[in-house]
Full PDB file with SEQRES, HELIX, SHEET, SSBOND, CRYST1, ORIGX, SCALE, CONECT and MASTER records, all heavy atoms in Angstrom:
SEQRES   1 A   44  ILE GLY ARG GLY LYS LEU ILE ALA ALA SER SER MET LYS          
SEQRES   2 A   44  GLU PHE VAL ALA GLY ALA SER GLY SER SER VAL ARG VAL          
SEQRES   3 A   44  ARG THR PRO SER ALA ASP GLN LEU VAL ARG ALA VAL THR          
SEQRES   4 A   44  ALA LYS GLY ALA THR                                          
HELIX    1 AA1 MET A   12  ALA A   17  1                                   6    
HELIX    2 AA2 ALA A   31  ALA A   40  1                                  10    
CRYST1    1.000    1.000    1.000  90.00  90.00  90.00 P 1           1          
ORIGX1      1.000000  0.000000  0.000000        0.00000                         
ORIGX2      0.000000  1.000000  0.000000        0.00000                         
ORIGX3      0.000000  0.000000  1.000000        0.00000                         
SCALE1      1.000000  0.000000  0.000000        0.00000                         
SCALE2      0.000000  1.000000  0.000000        0.00000                         
SCALE3      0.000000  0.000000  1.000000        0.00000                         
ATOM      1  N   ILE A   1      54.527  22.027 -69.140  1.00  0.00           N  
ATOM      2  CA  ILE A   1      55.869  22.342 -69.281  1.00  0.00           C  
ATOM      3  C   ILE A   1      56.048  23.473 -70.342  1.00  0.00           C  
ATOM      4  O   ILE A   1      55.248  23.663 -71.254  1.00  0.00           O  
ATOM      5  CB  ILE A   1      56.808  21.171 -69.631  1.00  0.00           C  
ATOM      6  CG1 ILE A   1      56.544  20.570 -70.980  1.00  0.00           C  
ATOM      7  CG2 ILE A   1      56.668  20.091 -68.532  1.00  0.00           C  
ATOM      8  CD1 ILE A   1      57.507  19.539 -71.400  1.00  0.00           C  
ATOM      9  N   GLY A   2      57.184  24.160 -70.198  1.00  0.00           N  
ATOM     10  CA  GLY A   2      57.489  25.221 -71.276  1.00  0.00           C  
ATOM     11  C   GLY A   2      58.988  25.396 -71.275  1.00  0.00           C  
ATOM     12  O   GLY A   2      59.672  25.465 -70.251  1.00  0.00           O  
ATOM     13  N   ARG A   3      59.571  25.412 -72.413  1.00  0.00           N  
ATOM     14  CA  ARG A   3      61.014  25.430 -72.682  1.00  0.00           C  
ATOM     15  C   ARG A   3      61.734  24.382 -71.829  1.00  0.00           C  
ATOM     16  O   ARG A   3      62.800  24.651 -71.254  1.00  0.00           O  
ATOM     17  CB  ARG A   3      61.519  26.881 -72.330  1.00  0.00           C  
ATOM     18  CG  ARG A   3      60.913  27.961 -73.283  1.00  0.00           C  
ATOM     19  CD  ARG A   3      61.596  29.311 -73.043  1.00  0.00           C  
ATOM     20  NE  ARG A   3      60.916  30.381 -73.699  1.00  0.00           N  
ATOM     21  CZ  ARG A   3      61.327  30.674 -75.069  1.00  0.00           C  
ATOM     22  NH1 ARG A   3      62.281  30.016 -75.650  1.00  0.00           N  
ATOM     23  NH2 ARG A   3      60.708  31.670 -75.679  1.00  0.00           N  
ATOM     24  N   GLY A   4      61.160  23.231 -71.708  1.00  0.00           N  
ATOM     25  CA  GLY A   4      61.783  22.079 -71.121  1.00  0.00           C  
ATOM     26  C   GLY A   4      61.645  22.117 -69.562  1.00  0.00           C  
ATOM     27  O   GLY A   4      62.070  21.185 -68.903  1.00  0.00           O  
ATOM     28  N   LYS A   5      61.048  23.153 -68.965  1.00  0.00           N  
ATOM     29  CA  LYS A   5      60.940  23.240 -67.529  1.00  0.00           C  
ATOM     30  C   LYS A   5      59.385  23.017 -67.115  1.00  0.00           C  
ATOM     31  O   LYS A   5      58.544  23.294 -67.837  1.00  0.00           O  
ATOM     32  CB  LYS A   5      61.331  24.652 -67.042  1.00  0.00           C  
ATOM     33  CG  LYS A   5      62.773  24.866 -67.257  1.00  0.00           C  
ATOM     34  CD  LYS A   5      63.130  26.323 -66.713  1.00  0.00           C  
ATOM     35  CE  LYS A   5      64.653  26.612 -66.912  1.00  0.00           C  
ATOM     36  NZ  LYS A   5      65.374  25.825 -65.834  1.00  0.00           N  
ATOM     37  N   LEU A   6      59.303  22.492 -65.874  1.00  0.00           N  
ATOM     38  CA  LEU A   6      57.965  22.321 -65.324  1.00  0.00           C  
ATOM     39  C   LEU A   6      57.372  23.660 -64.983  1.00  0.00           C  
ATOM     40  O   LEU A   6      57.950  24.425 -64.301  1.00  0.00           O  
ATOM     41  CB  LEU A   6      58.117  21.407 -64.111  1.00  0.00           C  
ATOM     42  CG  LEU A   6      56.730  20.999 -63.416  1.00  0.00           C  
ATOM     43  CD1 LEU A   6      55.922  20.046 -64.342  1.00  0.00           C  
ATOM     44  CD2 LEU A   6      56.997  20.391 -62.108  1.00  0.00           C  
ATOM     45  N   ILE A   7      56.111  23.842 -65.464  1.00  0.00           N  
ATOM     46  CA  ILE A   7      55.385  25.053 -65.127  1.00  0.00           C  
ATOM     47  C   ILE A   7      54.317  24.796 -64.104  1.00  0.00           C  
ATOM     48  O   ILE A   7      54.043  25.521 -63.169  1.00  0.00           O  
ATOM     49  CB  ILE A   7      54.737  25.670 -66.371  1.00  0.00           C  
ATOM     50  CG1 ILE A   7      55.793  26.138 -67.296  1.00  0.00           C  
ATOM     51  CG2 ILE A   7      53.849  26.770 -66.136  1.00  0.00           C  
ATOM     52  CD1 ILE A   7      55.303  26.706 -68.640  1.00  0.00           C  
ATOM     53  N   ALA A   8      53.621  23.708 -64.219  1.00  0.00           N  
ATOM     54  CA  ALA A   8      52.495  23.300 -63.295  1.00  0.00           C  
ATOM     55  C   ALA A   8      52.298  21.836 -63.245  1.00  0.00           C  
ATOM     56  O   ALA A   8      52.576  21.059 -64.182  1.00  0.00           O  
ATOM     57  CB  ALA A   8      51.303  24.018 -63.655  1.00  0.00           C  
ATOM     58  N   ALA A   9      51.953  21.359 -62.079  1.00  0.00           N  
ATOM     59  CA  ALA A   9      51.550  19.882 -61.858  1.00  0.00           C  
ATOM     60  C   ALA A   9      50.445  19.927 -60.930  1.00  0.00           C  
ATOM     61  O   ALA A   9      50.631  20.108 -59.718  1.00  0.00           O  
ATOM     62  CB  ALA A   9      52.759  19.126 -61.365  1.00  0.00           C  
ATOM     63  N   SER A  10      49.262  19.825 -61.360  1.00  0.00           N  
ATOM     64  CA  SER A  10      48.030  20.010 -60.476  1.00  0.00           C  
ATOM     65  C   SER A  10      46.777  19.360 -61.064  1.00  0.00           C  
ATOM     66  O   SER A  10      46.833  18.896 -62.270  1.00  0.00           O  
ATOM     67  CB  SER A  10      47.735  21.486 -60.263  1.00  0.00           C  
ATOM     68  OG  SER A  10      47.290  22.109 -61.458  1.00  0.00           O  
ATOM     69  N   SER A  11      45.767  19.425 -60.321  1.00  0.00           N  
ATOM     70  CA  SER A  11      44.509  18.785 -60.788  1.00  0.00           C  
ATOM     71  C   SER A  11      44.010  19.814 -61.957  1.00  0.00           C  
ATOM     72  O   SER A  11      44.321  20.996 -61.877  1.00  0.00           O  
ATOM     73  CB  SER A  11      43.437  18.627 -59.740  1.00  0.00           C  
ATOM     74  OG  SER A  11      43.079  19.859 -59.333  1.00  0.00           O  
ATOM     75  N   MET A  12      43.123  19.280 -62.795  1.00  0.00           N  
ATOM     76  CA  MET A  12      42.521  20.187 -63.805  1.00  0.00           C  
ATOM     77  C   MET A  12      41.713  21.339 -63.089  1.00  0.00           C  
ATOM     78  O   MET A  12      41.918  22.482 -63.452  1.00  0.00           O  
ATOM     79  CB  MET A  12      41.502  19.324 -64.651  1.00  0.00           C  
ATOM     80  CG  MET A  12      40.786  20.208 -65.642  1.00  0.00           C  
ATOM     81  SD  MET A  12      41.710  20.841 -66.956  1.00  0.00           S  
ATOM     82  CE  MET A  12      42.036  19.306 -67.917  1.00  0.00           C  
ATOM     83  N   LYS A  13      41.079  21.100 -62.060  1.00  0.00           N  
ATOM     84  CA  LYS A  13      40.266  22.012 -61.338  1.00  0.00           C  
ATOM     85  C   LYS A  13      41.120  23.142 -60.781  1.00  0.00           C  
ATOM     86  O   LYS A  13      40.848  24.336 -60.900  1.00  0.00           O  
ATOM     87  CB  LYS A  13      39.471  21.411 -60.248  1.00  0.00           C  
ATOM     88  CG  LYS A  13      38.470  22.375 -59.482  1.00  0.00           C  
ATOM     89  CD  LYS A  13      37.654  21.606 -58.480  1.00  0.00           C  
ATOM     90  CE  LYS A  13      36.757  22.578 -57.653  1.00  0.00           C  
ATOM     91  NZ  LYS A  13      36.004  21.807 -56.631  1.00  0.00           N  
ATOM     92  N   GLU A  14      42.276  22.703 -60.119  1.00  0.00           N  
ATOM     93  CA  GLU A  14      43.162  23.667 -59.531  1.00  0.00           C  
ATOM     94  C   GLU A  14      43.868  24.534 -60.616  1.00  0.00           C  
ATOM     95  O   GLU A  14      44.027  25.758 -60.434  1.00  0.00           O  
ATOM     96  CB  GLU A  14      44.177  22.879 -58.683  1.00  0.00           C  
ATOM     97  CG  GLU A  14      43.668  22.302 -57.434  1.00  0.00           C  
ATOM     98  CD  GLU A  14      44.678  21.403 -56.704  1.00  0.00           C  
ATOM     99  OE1 GLU A  14      45.687  20.992 -57.458  1.00  0.00           O  
ATOM    100  OE2 GLU A  14      44.490  21.079 -55.563  1.00  0.00           O  
ATOM    101  N   PHE A  15      44.231  23.912 -61.713  1.00  0.00           N  
ATOM    102  CA  PHE A  15      44.931  24.664 -62.701  1.00  0.00           C  
ATOM    103  C   PHE A  15      43.998  25.841 -63.298  1.00  0.00           C  
ATOM    104  O   PHE A  15      44.453  26.925 -63.499  1.00  0.00           O  
ATOM    105  CB  PHE A  15      45.334  23.716 -63.859  1.00  0.00           C  
ATOM    106  CG  PHE A  15      46.094  24.306 -64.958  1.00  0.00           C  
ATOM    107  CD1 PHE A  15      47.446  24.694 -64.851  1.00  0.00           C  
ATOM    108  CD2 PHE A  15      45.490  24.642 -66.159  1.00  0.00           C  
ATOM    109  CE1 PHE A  15      48.155  25.268 -65.834  1.00  0.00           C  
ATOM    110  CE2 PHE A  15      46.237  25.312 -67.208  1.00  0.00           C  
ATOM    111  CZ  PHE A  15      47.548  25.524 -67.054  1.00  0.00           C  
ATOM    112  N   VAL A  16      42.667  25.367 -63.590  1.00  0.00           N  
ATOM    113  CA  VAL A  16      41.870  26.386 -64.278  1.00  0.00           C  
ATOM    114  C   VAL A  16      41.473  27.546 -63.267  1.00  0.00           C  
ATOM    115  O   VAL A  16      41.395  28.692 -63.517  1.00  0.00           O  
ATOM    116  CB  VAL A  16      40.639  25.674 -64.759  1.00  0.00           C  
ATOM    117  CG1 VAL A  16      39.548  26.705 -65.277  1.00  0.00           C  
ATOM    118  CG2 VAL A  16      41.000  24.802 -65.914  1.00  0.00           C  
ATOM    119  N   ALA A  17      41.263  27.044 -61.979  1.00  0.00           N  
ATOM    120  CA  ALA A  17      40.823  27.994 -60.913  1.00  0.00           C  
ATOM    121  C   ALA A  17      41.957  29.042 -60.655  1.00  0.00           C  
ATOM    122  O   ALA A  17      41.649  30.201 -60.240  1.00  0.00           O  
ATOM    123  CB  ALA A  17      40.419  27.323 -59.719  1.00  0.00           C  
ATOM    124  N   GLY A  18      43.178  28.694 -60.929  1.00  0.00           N  
ATOM    125  CA  GLY A  18      44.330  29.594 -60.745  1.00  0.00           C  
ATOM    126  C   GLY A  18      44.381  30.702 -61.711  1.00  0.00           C  
ATOM    127  O   GLY A  18      45.146  31.613 -61.540  1.00  0.00           O  
ATOM    128  N   ALA A  19      43.669  30.655 -62.814  1.00  0.00           N  
ATOM    129  CA  ALA A  19      43.793  31.624 -63.874  1.00  0.00           C  
ATOM    130  C   ALA A  19      43.112  32.919 -63.459  1.00  0.00           C  
ATOM    131  O   ALA A  19      42.080  32.868 -62.706  1.00  0.00           O  
ATOM    132  CB  ALA A  19      43.202  31.109 -65.108  1.00  0.00           C  
ATOM    133  N   SER A  20      43.629  33.991 -63.865  1.00  0.00           N  
ATOM    134  CA  SER A  20      43.051  35.319 -63.447  1.00  0.00           C  
ATOM    135  C   SER A  20      41.727  35.609 -64.265  1.00  0.00           C  
ATOM    136  O   SER A  20      41.016  36.553 -63.868  1.00  0.00           O  
ATOM    137  CB  SER A  20      44.081  36.423 -63.813  1.00  0.00           C  
ATOM    138  OG  SER A  20      44.342  36.534 -65.160  1.00  0.00           O  
ATOM    139  N   GLY A  21      41.383  34.741 -65.186  1.00  0.00           N  
ATOM    140  CA  GLY A  21      40.119  34.960 -65.953  1.00  0.00           C  
ATOM    141  C   GLY A  21      38.901  34.570 -65.148  1.00  0.00           C  
ATOM    142  O   GLY A  21      37.818  34.877 -65.603  1.00  0.00           O  
ATOM    143  N   SER A  22      39.092  33.923 -63.983  1.00  0.00           N  
ATOM    144  CA  SER A  22      38.003  33.581 -63.235  1.00  0.00           C  
ATOM    145  C   SER A  22      37.241  34.657 -62.671  1.00  0.00           C  
ATOM    146  O   SER A  22      37.900  35.746 -62.146  1.00  0.00           O  
ATOM    147  CB  SER A  22      38.355  32.603 -62.140  1.00  0.00           C  
ATOM    148  OG  SER A  22      38.992  31.433 -62.632  1.00  0.00           O  
ATOM    149  N   SER A  23      35.923  34.689 -62.655  1.00  0.00           N  
ATOM    150  CA  SER A  23      35.090  35.775 -62.077  1.00  0.00           C  
ATOM    151  C   SER A  23      33.838  35.318 -61.559  1.00  0.00           C  
ATOM    152  O   SER A  23      33.518  34.093 -61.687  1.00  0.00           O  
ATOM    153  CB  SER A  23      34.881  36.814 -63.205  1.00  0.00           C  
ATOM    154  OG  SER A  23      34.098  36.304 -64.243  1.00  0.00           O  
ATOM    155  N   VAL A  24      33.028  36.221 -60.982  1.00  0.00           N  
ATOM    156  CA  VAL A  24      31.633  35.839 -60.454  1.00  0.00           C  
ATOM    157  C   VAL A  24      30.632  36.622 -61.266  1.00  0.00           C  
ATOM    158  O   VAL A  24      30.808  37.912 -61.248  1.00  0.00           O  
ATOM    159  CB  VAL A  24      31.528  36.016 -59.038  1.00  0.00           C  
ATOM    160  CG1 VAL A  24      30.096  35.675 -58.527  1.00  0.00           C  
ATOM    161  CG2 VAL A  24      32.587  35.210 -58.257  1.00  0.00           C  
ATOM    162  N   ARG A  25      29.627  36.045 -61.735  1.00  0.00           N  
ATOM    163  CA  ARG A  25      28.573  36.753 -62.476  1.00  0.00           C  
ATOM    164  C   ARG A  25      27.452  36.977 -61.481  1.00  0.00           C  
ATOM    165  O   ARG A  25      26.897  36.103 -60.902  1.00  0.00           O  
ATOM    166  CB  ARG A  25      28.165  35.950 -63.714  1.00  0.00           C  
ATOM    167  CG  ARG A  25      27.055  36.502 -64.532  1.00  0.00           C  
ATOM    168  CD  ARG A  25      26.666  35.528 -65.664  1.00  0.00           C  
ATOM    169  NE  ARG A  25      25.507  35.951 -66.409  1.00  0.00           N  
ATOM    170  CZ  ARG A  25      25.589  36.746 -67.460  1.00  0.00           C  
ATOM    171  NH1 ARG A  25      26.722  37.214 -67.806  1.00  0.00           N  
ATOM    172  NH2 ARG A  25      24.399  37.099 -68.116  1.00  0.00           N  
ATOM    173  N   VAL A  26      27.029  38.251 -61.501  1.00  0.00           N  
ATOM    174  CA  VAL A  26      25.886  38.605 -60.539  1.00  0.00           C  
ATOM    175  C   VAL A  26      24.825  39.422 -61.287  1.00  0.00           C  
ATOM    176  O   VAL A  26      25.140  40.301 -62.071  1.00  0.00           O  
ATOM    177  CB  VAL A  26      26.537  39.523 -59.326  1.00  0.00           C  
ATOM    178  CG1 VAL A  26      25.359  39.749 -58.388  1.00  0.00           C  
ATOM    179  CG2 VAL A  26      27.687  38.892 -58.740  1.00  0.00           C  
ATOM    180  N   ARG A  27      23.572  39.049 -60.941  1.00  0.00           N  
ATOM    181  CA  ARG A  27      22.421  39.851 -61.440  1.00  0.00           C  
ATOM    182  C   ARG A  27      21.606  40.320 -60.191  1.00  0.00           C  
ATOM    183  O   ARG A  27      21.350  39.523 -59.288  1.00  0.00           O  
ATOM    184  CB  ARG A  27      21.454  38.991 -62.267  1.00  0.00           C  
ATOM    185  CG  ARG A  27      21.975  38.708 -63.682  1.00  0.00           C  
ATOM    186  CD  ARG A  27      20.983  37.962 -64.495  1.00  0.00           C  
ATOM    187  NE  ARG A  27      21.367  37.708 -65.840  1.00  0.00           N  
ATOM    188  CZ  ARG A  27      21.291  38.586 -66.845  1.00  0.00           C  
ATOM    189  NH1 ARG A  27      20.629  39.731 -66.540  1.00  0.00           N  
ATOM    190  NH2 ARG A  27      21.722  38.287 -68.044  1.00  0.00           N  
ATOM    191  N   THR A  28      21.394  41.592 -60.153  1.00  0.00           N  
ATOM    192  CA  THR A  28      20.607  42.168 -59.021  1.00  0.00           C  
ATOM    193  C   THR A  28      19.951  43.486 -59.441  1.00  0.00           C  
ATOM    194  O   THR A  28      20.489  44.151 -60.327  1.00  0.00           O  
ATOM    195  CB  THR A  28      21.653  42.519 -57.841  1.00  0.00           C  
ATOM    196  OG1 THR A  28      20.966  43.212 -56.822  1.00  0.00           O  
ATOM    197  CG2 THR A  28      22.839  43.404 -58.411  1.00  0.00           C  
ATOM    198  N   PRO A  29      18.834  43.747 -58.845  1.00  0.00           N  
ATOM    199  CA  PRO A  29      18.121  45.029 -59.162  1.00  0.00           C  
ATOM    200  C   PRO A  29      18.815  46.181 -58.513  1.00  0.00           C  
ATOM    201  O   PRO A  29      18.491  47.376 -58.694  1.00  0.00           O  
ATOM    202  CB  PRO A  29      16.706  44.777 -58.629  1.00  0.00           C  
ATOM    203  CG  PRO A  29      16.885  43.736 -57.505  1.00  0.00           C  
ATOM    204  CD  PRO A  29      18.011  42.896 -58.046  1.00  0.00           C  
ATOM    205  N   SER A  30      19.773  45.884 -57.645  1.00  0.00           N  
ATOM    206  CA  SER A  30      20.542  46.930 -56.924  1.00  0.00           C  
ATOM    207  C   SER A  30      21.993  46.980 -57.435  1.00  0.00           C  
ATOM    208  O   SER A  30      22.863  46.876 -56.648  1.00  0.00           O  
ATOM    209  CB  SER A  30      20.429  46.773 -55.420  1.00  0.00           C  
ATOM    210  OG  SER A  30      19.130  46.694 -54.986  1.00  0.00           O  
ATOM    211  N   ALA A  31      22.166  47.117 -58.708  1.00  0.00           N  
ATOM    212  CA  ALA A  31      23.521  47.021 -59.298  1.00  0.00           C  
ATOM    213  C   ALA A  31      24.483  47.991 -58.787  1.00  0.00           C  
ATOM    214  O   ALA A  31      25.632  47.652 -58.406  1.00  0.00           O  
ATOM    215  CB  ALA A  31      23.395  47.117 -60.787  1.00  0.00           C  
ATOM    216  N   ASP A  32      24.063  49.290 -58.604  1.00  0.00           N  
ATOM    217  CA  ASP A  32      24.962  50.279 -58.250  1.00  0.00           C  
ATOM    218  C   ASP A  32      25.385  50.044 -56.814  1.00  0.00           C  
ATOM    219  O   ASP A  32      26.566  50.220 -56.453  1.00  0.00           O  
ATOM    220  CB  ASP A  32      24.291  51.721 -58.316  1.00  0.00           C  
ATOM    221  CG  ASP A  32      24.104  52.106 -59.717  1.00  0.00           C  
ATOM    222  OD1 ASP A  32      24.742  51.584 -60.628  1.00  0.00           O  
ATOM    223  OD2 ASP A  32      23.298  53.011 -60.013  1.00  0.00           O  
ATOM    224  N   GLN A  33      24.473  49.612 -55.990  1.00  0.00           N  
ATOM    225  CA  GLN A  33      24.856  49.377 -54.545  1.00  0.00           C  
ATOM    226  C   GLN A  33      25.807  48.217 -54.430  1.00  0.00           C  
ATOM    227  O   GLN A  33      26.779  48.262 -53.666  1.00  0.00           O  
ATOM    228  CB  GLN A  33      23.568  49.070 -53.720  1.00  0.00           C  
ATOM    229  CG  GLN A  33      23.813  48.881 -52.283  1.00  0.00           C  
ATOM    230  CD  GLN A  33      22.543  48.502 -51.544  1.00  0.00           C  
ATOM    231  OE1 GLN A  33      21.420  48.401 -52.140  1.00  0.00           O  
ATOM    232  NE2 GLN A  33      22.660  48.228 -50.231  1.00  0.00           N  
ATOM    233  N   LEU A  34      25.688  47.180 -55.242  1.00  0.00           N  
ATOM    234  CA  LEU A  34      26.506  46.045 -55.206  1.00  0.00           C  
ATOM    235  C   LEU A  34      27.946  46.455 -55.672  1.00  0.00           C  
ATOM    236  O   LEU A  34      28.904  46.059 -55.071  1.00  0.00           O  
ATOM    237  CB  LEU A  34      25.951  44.899 -56.120  1.00  0.00           C  
ATOM    238  CG  LEU A  34      26.904  43.630 -56.133  1.00  0.00           C  
ATOM    239  CD1 LEU A  34      26.846  42.938 -54.744  1.00  0.00           C  
ATOM    240  CD2 LEU A  34      26.475  42.715 -57.207  1.00  0.00           C  
ATOM    241  N   VAL A  35      27.965  47.193 -56.741  1.00  0.00           N  
ATOM    242  CA  VAL A  35      29.253  47.616 -57.281  1.00  0.00           C  
ATOM    243  C   VAL A  35      30.074  48.375 -56.269  1.00  0.00           C  
ATOM    244  O   VAL A  35      31.254  48.206 -55.983  1.00  0.00           O  
ATOM    245  CB  VAL A  35      29.106  48.487 -58.509  1.00  0.00           C  
ATOM    246  CG1 VAL A  35      30.470  49.172 -58.954  1.00  0.00           C  
ATOM    247  CG2 VAL A  35      28.580  47.599 -59.644  1.00  0.00           C  
ATOM    248  N   ARG A  36      29.337  49.363 -55.473  1.00  0.00           N  
ATOM    249  CA  ARG A  36      30.005  50.105 -54.418  1.00  0.00           C  
ATOM    250  C   ARG A  36      30.538  49.204 -53.330  1.00  0.00           C  
ATOM    251  O   ARG A  36      31.667  49.316 -52.794  1.00  0.00           O  
ATOM    252  CB  ARG A  36      29.034  51.133 -53.840  1.00  0.00           C  
ATOM    253  CG  ARG A  36      28.804  52.327 -54.804  1.00  0.00           C  
ATOM    254  CD  ARG A  36      28.096  53.528 -54.043  1.00  0.00           C  
ATOM    255  NE  ARG A  36      26.754  53.075 -53.585  1.00  0.00           N  
ATOM    256  CZ  ARG A  36      25.718  53.238 -54.288  1.00  0.00           C  
ATOM    257  NH1 ARG A  36      25.684  53.651 -55.439  1.00  0.00           N  
ATOM    258  NH2 ARG A  36      24.446  52.828 -53.719  1.00  0.00           N  
ATOM    259  N   ALA A  37      29.746  48.210 -52.982  1.00  0.00           N  
ATOM    260  CA  ALA A  37      30.040  47.287 -51.844  1.00  0.00           C  
ATOM    261  C   ALA A  37      31.291  46.364 -52.166  1.00  0.00           C  
ATOM    262  O   ALA A  37      32.179  46.360 -51.337  1.00  0.00           O  
ATOM    263  CB  ALA A  37      28.878  46.454 -51.536  1.00  0.00           C  
ATOM    264  N   VAL A  38      31.337  45.827 -53.414  1.00  0.00           N  
ATOM    265  CA  VAL A  38      32.448  44.985 -53.755  1.00  0.00           C  
ATOM    266  C   VAL A  38      33.715  45.832 -54.018  1.00  0.00           C  
ATOM    267  O   VAL A  38      34.798  45.344 -53.696  1.00  0.00           O  
ATOM    268  CB  VAL A  38      32.180  44.146 -54.985  1.00  0.00           C  
ATOM    269  CG1 VAL A  38      30.975  43.226 -54.708  1.00  0.00           C  
ATOM    270  CG2 VAL A  38      31.896  44.898 -56.140  1.00  0.00           C  
ATOM    271  N   THR A  39      33.535  47.051 -54.604  1.00  0.00           N  
ATOM    272  CA  THR A  39      34.751  47.842 -54.709  1.00  0.00           C  
ATOM    273  C   THR A  39      35.416  48.317 -53.340  1.00  0.00           C  
ATOM    274  O   THR A  39      36.567  48.331 -53.271  1.00  0.00           O  
ATOM    275  CB  THR A  39      34.284  49.164 -55.442  1.00  0.00           C  
ATOM    276  OG1 THR A  39      33.749  48.823 -56.762  1.00  0.00           O  
ATOM    277  CG2 THR A  39      35.463  50.089 -55.699  1.00  0.00           C  
ATOM    278  N   ALA A  40      34.443  48.471 -52.376  1.00  0.00           N  
ATOM    279  CA  ALA A  40      34.921  48.843 -51.014  1.00  0.00           C  
ATOM    280  C   ALA A  40      35.713  47.691 -50.449  1.00  0.00           C  
ATOM    281  O   ALA A  40      36.654  47.877 -49.526  1.00  0.00           O  
ATOM    282  CB  ALA A  40      33.849  49.179 -50.142  1.00  0.00           C  
ATOM    283  N   LYS A  41      35.534  46.478 -50.935  1.00  0.00           N  
ATOM    284  CA  LYS A  41      36.316  45.229 -50.391  1.00  0.00           C  
ATOM    285  C   LYS A  41      37.551  44.978 -51.253  1.00  0.00           C  
ATOM    286  O   LYS A  41      38.139  43.994 -50.977  1.00  0.00           O  
ATOM    287  CB  LYS A  41      35.350  44.075 -50.490  1.00  0.00           C  
ATOM    288  CG  LYS A  41      34.198  44.125 -49.507  1.00  0.00           C  
ATOM    289  CD  LYS A  41      34.615  44.078 -48.009  1.00  0.00           C  
ATOM    290  CE  LYS A  41      33.538  44.070 -47.171  1.00  0.00           C  
ATOM    291  NZ  LYS A  41      33.887  44.051 -45.622  1.00  0.00           N  
ATOM    292  N   GLY A  42      37.840  45.837 -52.301  1.00  0.00           N  
ATOM    293  CA  GLY A  42      38.977  45.739 -53.037  1.00  0.00           C  
ATOM    294  C   GLY A  42      38.852  44.911 -54.286  1.00  0.00           C  
ATOM    295  O   GLY A  42      39.831  44.597 -55.106  1.00  0.00           O  
ATOM    296  N   ALA A  43      37.604  44.536 -54.610  1.00  0.00           N  
ATOM    297  CA  ALA A  43      37.373  43.785 -55.831  1.00  0.00           C  
ATOM    298  C   ALA A  43      37.119  44.711 -57.044  1.00  0.00           C  
ATOM    299  O   ALA A  43      36.927  45.939 -56.789  1.00  0.00           O  
ATOM    300  CB  ALA A  43      36.112  42.871 -55.678  1.00  0.00           C  
ATOM    301  N   THR A  44      37.167  44.178 -58.192  1.00  0.00           N  
ATOM    302  CA  THR A  44      36.904  45.019 -59.384  1.00  0.00           C  
ATOM    303  C   THR A  44      35.684  44.521 -60.055  1.00  0.00           C  
ATOM    304  O   THR A  44      35.301  43.259 -59.920  1.00  0.00           O  
ATOM    305  CB  THR A  44      38.060  45.022 -60.429  1.00  0.00           C  
ATOM    306  OG1 THR A  44      38.295  43.677 -60.800  1.00  0.00           O  
ATOM    307  CG2 THR A  44      39.336  45.571 -59.811  1.00  0.00           C  
TER     308      THR A  44                                                      
MASTER        0    0    0    2    0    0    0    6  307    1    0    4          
END                                                                             
């Protein structure tokens, strides 16, 4: 809650997953190729 109002009511997993800080960590020998591929799909 915040300022007396309900902000969220969810499972812990759902609450954390909804944050914009979530990301995917990737290691690859073809880093430039992967960056181009995910960028083409609209990811950052």
